[in-house]
Amino acid sequence: MARFSRGGGGGASHPRARAQRLEVLIGILAFFTLMAAIQAVTYELRGRSATGAALVLLGLVIALALAIRARRRTGV
């Protein structure tokens, strides 16, 4: 039975693999950021309190910006 290693065990991964993982993360964060933005706008237009939705949106925007920054630093 063959055994598969996950990058040699040293914790370091190939730069392209890291970039691909970050791209997947960016896509997921972008989707949920868009959904949170739609929810916040909808709450505002309906006159409901949008404080919670706005805070979630802020957190997602910050996480998305950090992921994009990390992706640019990979240099791949």
Protein backbone atom coordinates (compact mmCIF):
# COMPACT_ATOMS: atom_id res chain seq x y z
CA MET A 1 0.00 0.00 0.00
CA ALA A 2 1.44 3.34 -1.05
CA ARG A 3 1.81 6.18 1.39
CA PHE A 4 1.35 9.79 0.38
CA SER A 5 3.34 12.55 2.05
CA ARG A 6 2.04 16.06 2.54
CA GLY A 7 4.98 18.18 1.46
CA GLY A 8 7.83 16.36 3.14
CA GLY A 9 6.73 16.89 6.72
CA GLY A 10 8.71 20.07 7.19
CA GLY A 11 5.64 22.29 7.09
CA ALA A 12 6.86 24.14 4.02
CA SER A 13 4.79 23.87 0.86
CA HIS A 14 5.43 24.70 -2.75
CA PRO A 15 4.78 28.40 -3.45
CA ARG A 16 2.30 27.60 -6.21
CA ALA A 17 0.32 25.32 -3.89
CA ARG A 18 0.18 28.08 -1.29
CA ALA A 19 -0.98 30.56 -3.93
CA GLN A 20 -3.72 28.19 -5.08
CA ARG A 21 -4.98 27.70 -1.51
CA LEU A 22 -5.06 31.47 -1.05
CA GLU A 23 -6.99 31.87 -4.31
CA VAL A 24 -9.62 29.42 -3.08
CA LEU A 25 -9.83 31.31 0.22
CA ILE A 26 -10.18 34.63 -1.65
CA GLY A 27 -13.02 33.21 -3.73
CA ILE A 28 -14.90 31.97 -0.68
CA LEU A 29 -14.38 35.23 1.20
CA ALA A 30 -15.45 37.27 -1.84
CA PHE A 31 -18.69 35.28 -2.12
CA PHE A 32 -19.61 35.74 1.53
CA THR A 33 -18.56 39.41 1.45
CA LEU A 34 -20.96 39.97 -1.44
CA MET A 35 -23.76 38.19 0.41
CA ALA A 36 -23.10 40.24 3.56
CA ALA A 37 -23.13 43.46 1.52
CA ILE A 38 -26.47 42.54 -0.04
CA GLN A 39 -27.87 41.74 3.41
CA ALA A 40 -26.63 45.03 4.90
CA VAL A 41 -28.11 47.07 2.03
CA THR A 42 -31.41 45.18 2.29
CA TYR A 43 -31.61 45.83 6.03
CA GLU A 44 -30.94 49.52 5.47
CA LEU A 45 -33.56 49.83 2.74
CA ARG A 46 -36.18 48.09 4.88
CA GLY A 47 -35.44 50.29 7.88
CA ARG A 48 -34.14 47.46 10.07
CA SER A 49 -31.08 47.74 12.26
CA ALA A 50 -28.07 46.84 10.13
CA THR A 51 -25.41 47.15 12.82
CA GLY A 52 -24.74 43.42 13.05
CA ALA A 53 -24.72 42.98 9.30
CA ALA A 54 -22.37 45.94 8.92
CA LEU A 55 -19.95 44.51 11.50
CA VAL A 56 -19.96 41.12 9.76
CA LEU A 57 -19.35 42.89 6.46
CA LEU A 58 -16.45 44.83 7.98
CA GLY A 59 -14.87 41.65 9.28
CA LEU A 60 -15.22 39.93 5.93
CA VAL A 61 -13.77 42.90 4.04
CA ILE A 62 -10.75 42.94 6.37
CA ALA A 63 -10.25 39.18 6.00
CA LEU A 64 -10.55 39.47 2.22
CA ALA A 65 -8.01 42.31 2.11
CA LEU A 66 -5.55 40.31 4.22
CA ALA A 67 -5.98 37.25 1.99
CA ILE A 68 -5.38 39.31 -1.14
CA ARG A 69 -2.30 40.86 0.47
CA ALA A 70 -0.97 37.41 1.38
CA ARG A 71 -1.62 36.18 -2.18
CA ARG A 72 0.34 39.07 -3.66
CA ARG A 73 3.27 38.32 -1.36
CA THR A 74 3.60 34.76 -2.68
CA GLY A 75 5.18 36.15 -5.85
CA VAL A 76 3.82 33.37 -8.03
